[in-house]
Structures are given as structure tokens and as C-alpha cells.
């Protein structure tokens, strides 16, 4: 009797690289969220939340309200502001600093 393998084998190096990239991108979003909120004793209020497709800042109340979302299903960063501006950036393994610059622009 043979057993069928239900899942393909995983490349452990690819998982490590992916985890590091997602962590770096999430830190960029968290830093934007943190920079727009009032300082408090603890920063638990400045966290990312899970969304249906990845991670989101939720609506951040700032000079211009905004929301940033890491869509891990589509490998995209989406952003939108209360004044109607939109951002869509493909995540292709670029450094987190480049992602931060594109958000700032």
C-alpha cells in the first residue's frame, strides 16, 4: 500500500527568506502607523491587524486619514487616504527601505 503525499515539499531557505521579507515590510507599515499616532507609554495601540488577505494598519487617524494593507495573496501593498489618493506597489523582494520611500512619495 502506498501513501500519497498531500502537500509538496517545502524549501526551508525559501521560508526563511519569505518570513524575513514579510517581517521587514510589516515593520515599515508599523512605523508609519506609529509615526501618525500620539506617543503613549505603551505602543500596543500601534499594531497591525490581520485582514482577509494579509495585514493592515486599519484606518489611521492622522492629518490625512489613511490605511495601508500588505496583501500577501497578491504580493501587493495597497494604500488609500481619506482624500481619495491610492497607492499600489508590487512586492518583488525589494528592500524595506525602498518600500518605505514609495509610501512616502
PDB file of N, CA and C in Angstrom:
ATOM      1  N   UNK A   1       0.836  -1.173   0.000  1.00  0.00           N
ATOM      2  CA  UNK A   1       0.000   0.000   0.000  1.00  0.00           C
ATOM      3  C   UNK A   1       0.884   1.240   0.000  1.00  0.00           C
ATOM      4  N   UNK A   2       0.625   2.155  -0.910  1.00  0.00           N
ATOM      5  CA  UNK A   2       1.404   3.375  -0.984  1.00  0.00           C
ATOM      6  C   UNK A   2       0.582   4.524  -0.418  1.00  0.00           C
ATOM      7  N   UNK A   3       1.282   5.459   0.139  1.00  0.00           N
ATOM      8  CA  UNK A   3       0.598   6.644   0.664  1.00  0.00           C
ATOM      9  C   UNK A   3       0.884   7.809  -0.257  1.00  0.00           C
ATOM     10  N   UNK A   4      -0.106   8.605  -0.500  1.00  0.00           N
ATOM     11  CA  UNK A   4       0.049   9.776  -1.356  1.00  0.00           C
ATOM     12  C   UNK A   4       0.454  10.973  -0.499  1.00  0.00           C
ATOM     13  N   UNK A   5       1.381  11.728  -1.017  1.00  0.00           N
ATOM     14  CA  UNK A   5       1.805  12.939  -0.323  1.00  0.00           C
ATOM     15  C   UNK A   5       0.825  14.046  -0.693  1.00  0.00           C
ATOM     16  N   UNK A   6       0.172  14.627   0.299  1.00  0.00           N
ATOM     17  CA  UNK A   6      -0.849  15.636   0.042  1.00  0.00           C
ATOM     18  C   UNK A   6      -0.261  17.020  -0.213  1.00  0.00           C
ATOM     19  N   UNK A   7       0.856  17.317   0.395  1.00  0.00           N
ATOM     20  CA  UNK A   7       1.467  18.632   0.246  1.00  0.00           C
ATOM     21  C   UNK A   7       2.851  18.487  -0.373  1.00  0.00           C
ATOM     22  N   UNK A   8       3.244  19.460  -1.195  1.00  0.00           N
ATOM     23  CA  UNK A   8       4.595  19.389  -1.759  1.00  0.00           C
ATOM     24  C   UNK A   8       5.638  19.655  -0.676  1.00  0.00           C
ATOM     25  N   UNK A   9       6.858  19.245  -0.947  1.00  0.00           N
ATOM     26  CA  UNK A   9       7.943  19.511  -0.017  1.00  0.00           C
ATOM     27  C   UNK A   9       8.216  21.010   0.067  1.00  0.00           C
ATOM     28  N   UNK A  10       8.675  21.461   1.224  1.00  0.00           N
ATOM     29  CA  UNK A  10       8.948  22.875   1.424  1.00  0.00           C
ATOM     30  C   UNK A  10      10.449  23.122   1.452  1.00  0.00           C
ATOM     31  N   UNK A  11      10.855  24.184   0.804  1.00  0.00           N
ATOM     32  CA  UNK A  11      12.249  24.600   0.822  1.00  0.00           C
ATOM     33  C   UNK A  11      12.456  25.488   2.045  1.00  0.00           C
ATOM     34  N   UNK A  12      13.202  25.012   3.022  1.00  0.00           N
ATOM     35  CA  UNK A  12      13.364  25.759   4.273  1.00  0.00           C
ATOM     36  C   UNK A  12      14.028  27.112   4.062  1.00  0.00           C
ATOM     37  N   UNK A  13      14.932  27.231   3.095  1.00  0.00           N
ATOM     38  CA  UNK A  13      15.568  28.528   2.829  1.00  0.00           C
ATOM     39  C   UNK A  13      14.562  29.534   2.292  1.00  0.00           C
ATOM     40  N   UNK A  14      13.646  29.088   1.446  1.00  0.00           N
ATOM     41  CA  UNK A  14      12.631  29.982   0.883  1.00  0.00           C
ATOM     42  C   UNK A  14      11.698  30.489   1.982  1.00  0.00           C
ATOM     43  N   UNK A  15      11.382  29.623   2.933  1.00  0.00           N
ATOM     44  CA  UNK A  15      10.512  30.040   4.034  1.00  0.00           C
ATOM     45  C   UNK A  15      11.201  31.109   4.874  1.00  0.00           C
ATOM     46  N   UNK A  16      12.468  30.934   5.148  1.00  0.00           N
ATOM     47  CA  UNK A  16      13.210  31.910   5.947  1.00  0.00           C
ATOM     48  C   UNK A  16      13.267  33.250   5.240  1.00  0.00           C
ATOM     49  N   UNK A  17      13.542  33.249   3.948  1.00  0.00           N
ATOM     50  CA  UNK A  17      13.600  34.498   3.184  1.00  0.00           C
ATOM     51  C   UNK A  17      12.236  35.172   3.136  1.00  0.00           C
ATOM     52  N   UNK A  18      11.187  34.386   2.947  1.00  0.00           N
ATOM     53  CA  UNK A  18       9.835  34.940   2.899  1.00  0.00           C
ATOM     54  C   UNK A  18       9.453  35.538   4.240  1.00  0.00           C
ATOM     55  N   UNK A  19       9.749  34.828   5.326  1.00  0.00           N
ATOM     56  CA  UNK A  19       9.434  35.343   6.651  1.00  0.00           C
ATOM     57  C   UNK A  19      10.162  36.648   6.920  1.00  0.00           C
ATOM     58  N   UNK A  20      11.424  36.716   6.534  1.00  0.00           N
ATOM     59  CA  UNK A  20      12.208  37.931   6.743  1.00  0.00           C
ATOM     60  C   UNK A  20      11.633  39.096   5.935  1.00  0.00           C
ATOM     61  N   UNK A  21      11.216  38.841   4.706  1.00  0.00           N
ATOM     62  CA  UNK A  21      10.644  39.897   3.861  1.00  0.00           C
ATOM     63  C   UNK A  21       9.317  40.399   4.434  1.00  0.00           C
ATOM     64  N   UNK A  22       8.441  39.477   4.824  1.00  0.00           N
ATOM     65  CA  UNK A  22       7.153  39.873   5.393  1.00  0.00           C
ATOM     66  C   UNK A  22       7.373  40.660   6.687  1.00  0.00           C
ATOM     67  N   UNK A  23       8.314  40.227   7.503  1.00  0.00           N
ATOM     68  CA  UNK A  23       8.609  40.937   8.745  1.00  0.00           C
ATOM     69  C   UNK A  23       9.116  42.350   8.460  1.00  0.00           C
ATOM     70  N   UNK A  24      10.010  42.499   7.506  1.00  0.00           N
ATOM     71  CA  UNK A  24      10.552  43.820   7.167  1.00  0.00           C
ATOM     72  C   UNK A  24       9.458  44.740   6.635  1.00  0.00           C
ATOM     73  N   UNK A  25       8.597  44.219   5.758  1.00  0.00           N
ATOM     74  CA  UNK A  25       7.509  45.032   5.205  1.00  0.00           C
ATOM     75  C   UNK A  25       6.506  45.410   6.295  1.00  0.00           C
ATOM     76  N   UNK A  26       6.222  44.479   7.199  1.00  0.00           N
ATOM     77  CA  UNK A  26       5.297  44.767   8.293  1.00  0.00           C
ATOM     78  C   UNK A  26       5.861  45.851   9.209  1.00  0.00           C
ATOM     79  N   UNK A  27       7.169  45.846   9.409  1.00  0.00           N
ATOM     80  CA  UNK A  27       7.793  46.896  10.232  1.00  0.00           C
ATOM     81  C   UNK A  27       7.646  48.263   9.588  1.00  0.00           C
ATOM     82  N   UNK A  28       7.724  48.329   8.255  1.00  0.00           N
ATOM     83  CA  UNK A  28       7.531  49.598   7.552  1.00  0.00           C
ATOM     84  C   UNK A  28       6.122  50.121   7.820  1.00  0.00           C
ATOM     85  N   UNK A  29       5.123  49.257   7.666  1.00  0.00           N
ATOM     86  CA  UNK A  29       3.744  49.674   7.917  1.00  0.00           C
ATOM     87  C   UNK A  29       3.545  50.081   9.373  1.00  0.00           C
ATOM     88  N   UNK A  30       4.121  49.300  10.286  1.00  0.00           N
ATOM     89  CA  UNK A  30       4.015  49.628  11.702  1.00  0.00           C
ATOM     90  C   UNK A  30       4.660  50.955  12.044  1.00  0.00           C
ATOM     91  N   UNK A  31       5.792  51.258  11.417  1.00  0.00           N
ATOM     92  CA  UNK A  31       6.461  52.536  11.669  1.00  0.00           C
ATOM     93  C   UNK A  31       5.632  53.710  11.161  1.00  0.00           C
ATOM     94  N   UNK A  32       4.977  53.534  10.005  1.00  0.00           N
ATOM     95  CA  UNK A  32       4.094  54.601   9.503  1.00  0.00           C
ATOM     96  C   UNK A  32       2.943  54.812  10.466  1.00  0.00           C
ATOM     97  N   UNK A  33       2.375  53.746  10.934  1.00  0.00           N
ATOM     98  CA  UNK A  33       1.265  53.839  11.873  1.00  0.00           C
ATOM     99  C   UNK A  33       1.715  54.521  13.160  1.00  0.00           C
ATOM    100  N   UNK A  34       2.869  54.124  13.659  1.00  0.00           N
ATOM    101  CA  UNK A  34       3.405  54.676  14.904  1.00  0.00           C
ATOM    102  C   UNK A  34       3.718  56.165  14.764  1.00  0.00           C
ATOM    103  N   UNK A  35       4.203  56.582  13.605  1.00  0.00           N
ATOM    104  CA  UNK A  35       4.570  57.986  13.415  1.00  0.00           C
ATOM    105  C   UNK A  35       3.350  58.898  13.364  1.00  0.00           C
ATOM    106  N   UNK A  36       2.190  58.336  13.087  1.00  0.00           N
ATOM    107  CA  UNK A  36       0.984  59.147  12.963  1.00  0.00           C
ATOM    108  C   UNK A  36       0.128  59.151  14.216  1.00  0.00           C
ATOM    109  N   UNK A  37       0.508  58.394  15.198  1.00  0.00           N
ATOM    110  CA  UNK A  37      -0.275  58.329  16.432  1.00  0.00           C
ATOM    111  C   UNK A  37       0.434  59.098  17.542  1.00  0.00           C
ATOM    112  N   UNK A  38      -0.338  59.591  18.501  1.00  0.00           N
ATOM    113  CA  UNK A  38       0.243  60.264  19.656  1.00  0.00           C
ATOM    114  C   UNK A  38       1.086  59.286  20.450  1.00  0.00           C
ATOM    115  N   UNK A  39       2.169  59.796  21.032  1.00  0.00           N
ATOM    116  CA  UNK A  39       3.012  58.935  21.869  1.00  0.00           C
ATOM    117  C   UNK A  39       2.260  58.569  23.136  1.00  0.00           C
ATOM    118  N   UNK A  40       2.397  57.307  23.509  1.00  0.00           N
ATOM    119  CA  UNK A  40       1.810  56.809  24.745  1.00  0.00           C
ATOM    120  C   UNK A  40       2.863  55.988  25.473  1.00  0.00           C
ATOM    121  N   UNK A  41       2.563  55.651  26.710  1.00  0.00           N
ATOM    122  CA  UNK A  41       3.518  54.885  27.500  1.00  0.00           C
ATOM    123  C   UNK A  41       3.808  53.536  26.838  1.00  0.00           C
ATOM    124  N   UNK A  42       2.790  52.870  26.343  1.00  0.00           N
ATOM    125  CA  UNK A  42       2.939  51.587  25.678  1.00  0.00           C
ATOM    126  C   UNK A  42       2.468  51.745  24.241  1.00  0.00           C
ATOM    127  N   UNK A  43       3.052  50.992  23.327  1.00  0.00           N
ATOM    128  CA  UNK A  43       2.715  51.124  21.906  1.00  0.00           C
ATOM    129  C   UNK A  43       1.823  49.992  21.416  1.00  0.00           C
ATOM    130  N   UNK A  44       1.064  49.375  22.298  1.00  0.00           N
ATOM    131  CA  UNK A  44       0.210  48.268  21.889  1.00  0.00           C
ATOM    132  C   UNK A  44      -0.881  48.721  20.920  1.00  0.00           C
ATOM    133  N   UNK A  45      -1.263  49.989  20.999  1.00  0.00           N
ATOM    134  CA  UNK A  45      -2.315  50.500  20.120  1.00  0.00           C
ATOM    135  C   UNK A  45      -1.820  50.663  18.677  1.00  0.00           C
ATOM    136  N   UNK A  46      -0.518  50.656  18.470  1.00  0.00           N
ATOM    137  CA  UNK A  46       0.058  50.844  17.132  1.00  0.00           C
ATOM    138  C   UNK A  46       0.492  49.494  16.583  1.00  0.00           C
ATOM    139  N   UNK A  47      -0.465  48.652  16.298  1.00  0.00           N
ATOM    140  CA  UNK A  47      -0.146  47.315  15.801  1.00  0.00           C
ATOM    141  C   UNK A  47      -0.860  47.078  14.485  1.00  0.00           C
ATOM    142  N   UNK A  48      -0.350  46.132  13.747  1.00  0.00           N
ATOM    143  CA  UNK A  48      -1.016  45.711  12.523  1.00  0.00           C
ATOM    144  C   UNK A  48      -2.080  44.688  12.886  1.00  0.00           C
ATOM    145  N   UNK A  49      -3.079  44.629  12.058  1.00  0.00           N
ATOM    146  CA  UNK A  49      -4.175  43.685  12.283  1.00  0.00           C
ATOM    147  C   UNK A  49      -4.248  42.714  11.128  1.00  0.00           C
ATOM    148  N   UNK A  50      -4.691  41.499  11.375  1.00  0.00           N
ATOM    149  CA  UNK A  50      -4.883  40.579  10.248  1.00  0.00           C
ATOM    150  C   UNK A  50      -6.059  41.030   9.398  1.00  0.00           C
ATOM    151  N   UNK A  51      -5.938  40.821   8.102  1.00  0.00           N
ATOM    152  CA  UNK A  51      -7.037  41.089   7.182  1.00  0.00           C
ATOM    153  C   UNK A  51      -7.323  39.796   6.422  1.00  0.00           C
ATOM    154  N   UNK A  52      -8.279  39.825   5.543  1.00  0.00           N
ATOM    155  CA  UNK A  52      -8.613  38.622   4.787  1.00  0.00           C
ATOM    156  C   UNK A  52      -7.490  38.196   3.860  1.00  0.00           C
ATOM    157  N   UNK A  53      -6.633  39.130   3.469  1.00  0.00           N
ATOM    158  CA  UNK A  53      -5.572  38.811   2.518  1.00  0.00           C
ATOM    159  C   UNK A  53      -4.169  39.041   3.061  1.00  0.00           C
ATOM    160  N   UNK A  54      -4.034  39.466   4.305  1.00  0.00           N
ATOM    161  CA  UNK A  54      -2.691  39.708   4.832  1.00  0.00           C
ATOM    162  C   UNK A  54      -2.720  40.489   6.135  1.00  0.00           C
ATOM    163  N   UNK A  55      -2.103  41.679   6.111  1.00  0.00           N
ATOM    164  CA  UNK A  55      -2.008  42.544   7.287  1.00  0.00           C
ATOM    165  C   UNK A  55      -2.438  43.946   6.915  1.00  0.00           C
ATOM    166  N   UNK A  56      -3.056  44.651   7.857  1.00  0.00           N
ATOM    167  CA  UNK A  56      -3.496  46.017   7.609  1.00  0.00           C
ATOM    168  C   UNK A  56      -3.228  46.889   8.827  1.00  0.00           C
ATOM    169  N   UNK A  57      -3.080  48.188   8.578  1.00  0.00           N
ATOM    170  CA  UNK A  57      -2.963  49.145   9.670  1.00  0.00           C
ATOM    171  C   UNK A  57      -4.334  49.479  10.230  1.00  0.00           C
ATOM    172  N   UNK A  58      -5.387  49.156   9.473  1.00  0.00           N
ATOM    173  CA  UNK A  58      -6.707  49.673   9.809  1.00  0.00           C
ATOM    174  C   UNK A  58      -6.690  51.151   9.450  1.00  0.00           C
ATOM    175  N   UNK A  59      -7.756  51.848   9.700  1.00  0.00           N
ATOM    176  CA  UNK A  59      -7.787  53.276   9.400  1.00  0.00           C
ATOM    177  C   UNK A  59      -7.002  54.005  10.479  1.00  0.00           C
ATOM    178  N   UNK A  60      -5.999  54.741  10.046  1.00  0.00           N
ATOM    179  CA  UNK A  60      -5.164  55.517  10.969  1.00  0.00           C
ATOM    180  C   UNK A  60      -5.596  56.972  10.889  1.00  0.00           C
ATOM    181  N   UNK A  61      -5.973  57.521  12.020  1.00  0.00           N
ATOM    182  CA  UNK A  61      -6.385  58.919  12.059  1.00  0.00           C
ATOM    183  C   UNK A  61      -5.148  59.784  12.184  1.00  0.00           C
ATOM    184  N   UNK A  62      -4.908  60.571  11.161  1.00  0.00           N
ATOM    185  CA  UNK A  62      -3.747  61.449  11.109  1.00  0.00           C
ATOM    186  C   UNK A  62      -4.199  62.760  10.465  1.00  0.00           C
ATOM    187  N   UNK A  63      -3.237  63.575  10.071  1.00  0.00           N
ATOM    188  CA  UNK A  63      -3.588  64.808   9.363  1.00  0.00           C
ATOM    189  C   UNK A  63      -4.484  64.473   8.182  1.00  0.00           C
ATOM    190  N   UNK A  64      -4.117  63.436   7.443  1.00  0.00           N
ATOM    191  CA  UNK A  64      -4.963  62.841   6.406  1.00  0.00           C
ATOM    192  C   UNK A  64      -5.119  61.373   6.798  1.00  0.00           C
ATOM    193  N   UNK A  65      -6.343  60.943   7.042  1.00  0.00           N
ATOM    194  CA  UNK A  65      -6.576  59.560   7.441  1.00  0.00           C
ATOM    195  C   UNK A  65      -6.136  58.616   6.328  1.00  0.00           C
ATOM    196  N   UNK A  66      -5.556  57.475   6.710  1.00  0.00           N
ATOM    197  CA  UNK A  66      -5.056  56.536   5.708  1.00  0.00           C
ATOM    198  C   UNK A  66      -5.188  55.105   6.202  1.00  0.00           C
ATOM    199  N   UNK A  67      -5.040  54.195   5.247  1.00  0.00           N
ATOM    200  CA  UNK A  67      -4.979  52.769   5.555  1.00  0.00           C
ATOM    201  C   UNK A  67      -3.949  52.148   4.625  1.00  0.00           C
ATOM    202  N   UNK A  68      -3.097  51.295   5.174  1.00  0.00           N
ATOM    203  CA  UNK A  68      -2.119  50.550   4.393  1.00  0.00           C
ATOM    204  C   UNK A  68      -2.392  49.064   4.586  1.00  0.00           C
ATOM    205  N   UNK A  69      -2.281  48.298   3.508  1.00  0.00           N
ATOM    206  CA  UNK A  69      -2.524  46.862   3.599  1.00  0.00           C
ATOM    207  C   UNK A  69      -1.466  46.093   2.822  1.00  0.00           C
ATOM    208  N   UNK A  70      -0.869  45.107   3.486  1.00  0.00           N
ATOM    209  CA  UNK A  70       0.005  44.138   2.817  1.00  0.00           C
ATOM    210  C   UNK A  70      -0.880  42.993   2.350  1.00  0.00           C
ATOM    211  N   UNK A  71      -1.107  42.906   1.061  1.00  0.00           N
ATOM    212  CA  UNK A  71      -1.912  41.828   0.506  1.00  0.00           C
ATOM    213  C   UNK A  71      -0.957  40.707   0.134  1.00  0.00           C
ATOM    214  N   UNK A  72      -0.870  39.704   0.982  1.00  0.00           N
ATOM    215  CA  UNK A  72       0.078  38.616   0.784  1.00  0.00           C
ATOM    216  C   UNK A  72      -0.398  37.628  -0.276  1.00  0.00           C
ATOM    217  N   UNK A  73      -1.670  37.632  -0.565  1.00  0.00           N
ATOM    218  CA  UNK A  73      -2.204  36.749  -1.595  1.00  0.00           C
ATOM    219  C   UNK A  73      -1.779  37.232  -2.988  1.00  0.00           C
ATOM    220  N   UNK A  74      -1.786  38.556  -3.182  1.00  0.00           N
ATOM    221  CA  UNK A  74      -1.449  39.132  -4.488  1.00  0.00           C
ATOM    222  C   UNK A  74      -0.045  39.734  -4.539  1.00  0.00           C
ATOM    223  N   UNK A  75       0.711  39.648  -3.453  1.00  0.00           N
ATOM    224  CA  UNK A  75       2.051  40.255  -3.358  1.00  0.00           C
ATOM    225  C   UNK A  75       2.004  41.745  -3.708  1.00  0.00           C
ATOM    226  N   UNK A  76       1.109  42.460  -3.044  1.00  0.00           N
ATOM    227  CA  UNK A  76       0.926  43.883  -3.294  1.00  0.00           C
ATOM    228  C   UNK A  76       0.830  44.632  -1.970  1.00  0.00           C
ATOM    229  N   UNK A  77       1.241  45.887  -2.016  1.00  0.00           N
ATOM    230  CA  UNK A  77       0.959  46.824  -0.936  1.00  0.00           C
ATOM    231  C   UNK A  77      -0.097  47.768  -1.472  1.00  0.00           C
ATOM    232  N   UNK A  78      -1.183  47.909  -0.749  1.00  0.00           N
ATOM    233  CA  UNK A  78      -2.229  48.843  -1.135  1.00  0.00           C
ATOM    234  C   UNK A  78      -2.337  49.916  -0.072  1.00  0.00           C
ATOM    235  N   UNK A  79      -2.589  51.125  -0.504  1.00  0.00           N
ATOM    236  CA  UNK A  79      -2.816  52.220   0.416  1.00  0.00           C
ATOM    237  C   UNK A  79      -3.902  53.114  -0.123  1.00  0.00           C
ATOM    238  N   UNK A  80      -4.599  53.751   0.778  1.00  0.00           N
ATOM    239  CA  UNK A  80      -5.603  54.735   0.371  1.00  0.00           C
ATOM    240  C   UNK A  80      -5.742  55.766   1.470  1.00  0.00           C
ATOM    241  N   UNK A  81      -6.114  56.960   1.075  1.00  0.00           N
ATOM    242  CA  UNK A  81      -6.286  58.051   2.026  1.00  0.00           C
ATOM    243  C   UNK A  81      -7.714  58.561   1.967  1.00  0.00           C
ATOM    244  N   UNK A  82      -8.073  59.327   2.979  1.00  0.00           N
ATOM    245  CA  UNK A  82      -9.432  59.864   3.045  1.00  0.00           C
ATOM    246  C   UNK A  82      -9.704  60.891   1.958  1.00  0.00           C
ATOM    247  N   UNK A  83      -8.651  61.463   1.376  1.00  0.00           N
ATOM    248  CA  UNK A  83      -8.878  62.428   0.298  1.00  0.00           C
ATOM    249  C   UNK A  83      -8.905  61.767  -1.086  1.00  0.00           C
ATOM    250  N   UNK A  84      -8.891  60.431  -1.136  1.00  0.00           N
ATOM    251  CA  UNK A  84      -9.062  59.706  -2.392  1.00  0.00           C
ATOM    252  C   UNK A  84      -7.790  59.223  -3.064  1.00  0.00           C
ATOM    253  N   UNK A  85      -6.627  59.561  -2.516  1.00  0.00           N
ATOM    254  CA  UNK A  85      -5.375  59.096  -3.114  1.00  0.00           C
ATOM    255  C   UNK A  85      -5.227  57.597  -2.890  1.00  0.00           C
ATOM    256  N   UNK A  86      -4.657  56.915  -3.876  1.00  0.00           N
ATOM    257  CA  UNK A  86      -4.460  55.463  -3.778  1.00  0.00           C
ATOM    258  C   UNK A  86      -3.022  55.112  -4.105  1.00  0.00           C
ATOM    259  N   UNK A  87      -2.567  54.012  -3.550  1.00  0.00           N
ATOM    260  CA  UNK A  87      -1.217  53.502  -3.770  1.00  0.00           C
ATOM    261  C   UNK A  87      -1.320  52.011  -4.023  1.00  0.00           C
ATOM    262  N   UNK A  88      -0.600  51.540  -5.015  1.00  0.00           N
ATOM    263  CA  UNK A  88      -0.482  50.101  -5.260  1.00  0.00           C
ATOM    264  C   UNK A  88       0.972  49.841  -5.641  1.00  0.00           C
ATOM    265  N   UNK A  89       1.636  49.006  -4.877  1.00  0.00           N
ATOM    266  CA  UNK A  89       3.058  48.698  -5.094  1.00  0.00           C
ATOM    267  C   UNK A  89       3.222  47.191  -5.112  1.00  0.00           C
ATOM    268  N   UNK A  90       3.811  46.680  -6.182  1.00  0.00           N
ATOM    269  CA  UNK A  90       4.078  45.246  -6.273  1.00  0.00           C
ATOM    270  C   UNK A  90       5.235  44.904  -5.347  1.00  0.00           C
ATOM    271  N   UNK A  91       5.083  43.849  -4.571  1.00  0.00           N
ATOM    272  CA  UNK A  91       6.143  43.381  -3.680  1.00  0.00           C
ATOM    273  C   UNK A  91       6.945  42.325  -4.422  1.00  0.00           C
ATOM    274  N   UNK A  92       8.171  42.686  -4.823  1.00  0.00           N
ATOM    275  CA  UNK A  92       9.011  41.782  -5.607  1.00  0.00           C
ATOM    276  C   UNK A  92      10.344  41.528  -4.931  1.00  0.00           C
ATOM    277  N   UNK A  93      10.342  41.513  -3.620  1.00  0.00           N
ATOM    278  CA  UNK A  93      11.588  41.274  -2.903  1.00  0.00           C
ATOM    279  C   UNK A  93      12.454  42.511  -2.759  1.00  0.00           C
ATOM    280  N   UNK A  94      11.888  43.692  -3.016  1.00  0.00           N
ATOM    281  CA  UNK A  94      12.657  44.920  -2.861  1.00  0.00           C
ATOM    282  C   UNK A  94      12.958  45.157  -1.381  1.00  0.00           C
ATOM    283  N   UNK A  95      14.018  45.901  -1.095  1.00  0.00           N
ATOM    284  CA  UNK A  95      14.339  46.187   0.305  1.00  0.00           C
ATOM    285  C   UNK A  95      13.209  46.979   0.967  1.00  0.00           C
ATOM    286  N   UNK A  96      13.081  46.833   2.263  1.00  0.00           N
ATOM    287  CA  UNK A  96      12.046  47.545   3.001  1.00  0.00           C
ATOM    288  C   UNK A  96      12.225  49.056   2.884  1.00  0.00           C
ATOM    289  N   UNK A  97      13.463  49.521   2.774  1.00  0.00           N
ATOM    290  CA  UNK A  97      13.703  50.964   2.641  1.00  0.00           C
ATOM    291  C   UNK A  97      13.106  51.505   1.344  1.00  0.00           C
ATOM    292  N   UNK A  98      13.150  50.726   0.283  1.00  0.00           N
ATOM    293  CA  UNK A  98      12.543  51.147  -0.990  1.00  0.00           C
ATOM    294  C   UNK A  98      11.023  51.204  -0.850  1.00  0.00           C
ATOM    295  N   UNK A  99      10.452  50.234  -0.155  1.00  0.00           N
ATOM    296  CA  UNK A  99       9.009  50.236   0.081  1.00  0.00           C
ATOM    297  C   UNK A  99       8.617  51.457   0.897  1.00  0.00           C
ATOM    298  N   UNK A 100       9.387  51.800   1.908  1.00  0.00           N
ATOM    299  CA  UNK A 100       9.110  52.981   2.734  1.00  0.00           C
ATOM    300  C   UNK A 100       9.167  54.251   1.895  1.00  0.00           C
ATOM    301  N   UNK A 101      10.148  54.351   0.984  1.00  0.00           N
ATOM    302  CA  UNK A 101      10.246  55.527   0.120  1.00  0.00           C
ATOM    303  C   UNK A 101       9.028  55.647  -0.800  1.00  0.00           C
ATOM    304  N   UNK A 102       8.559  54.528  -1.347  1.00  0.00           N
ATOM    305  CA  UNK A 102       7.411  54.592  -2.244  1.00  0.00           C
ATOM    306  C   UNK A 102       6.155  54.995  -1.482  1.00  0.00           C
ATOM    307  N   UNK A 103       6.027  54.622  -0.210  1.00  0.00           N
ATOM    308  CA  UNK A 103       4.892  55.069   0.587  1.00  0.00           C
ATOM    309  C   UNK A 103       5.001  56.565   0.840  1.00  0.00           C
ATOM    310  N   UNK A 104       6.194  57.021   1.155  1.00  0.00           N
ATOM    311  CA  UNK A 104       6.406  58.445   1.434  1.00  0.00           C
ATOM    312  C   UNK A 104       6.116  59.310   0.209  1.00  0.00           C
ATOM    313  N   UNK A 105       6.462  58.803  -0.960  1.00  0.00           N
ATOM    314  CA  UNK A 105       6.205  59.561  -2.194  1.00  0.00           C
ATOM    315  C   UNK A 105       4.721  59.629  -2.468  1.00  0.00           C
TER     316      UNK A 105
END
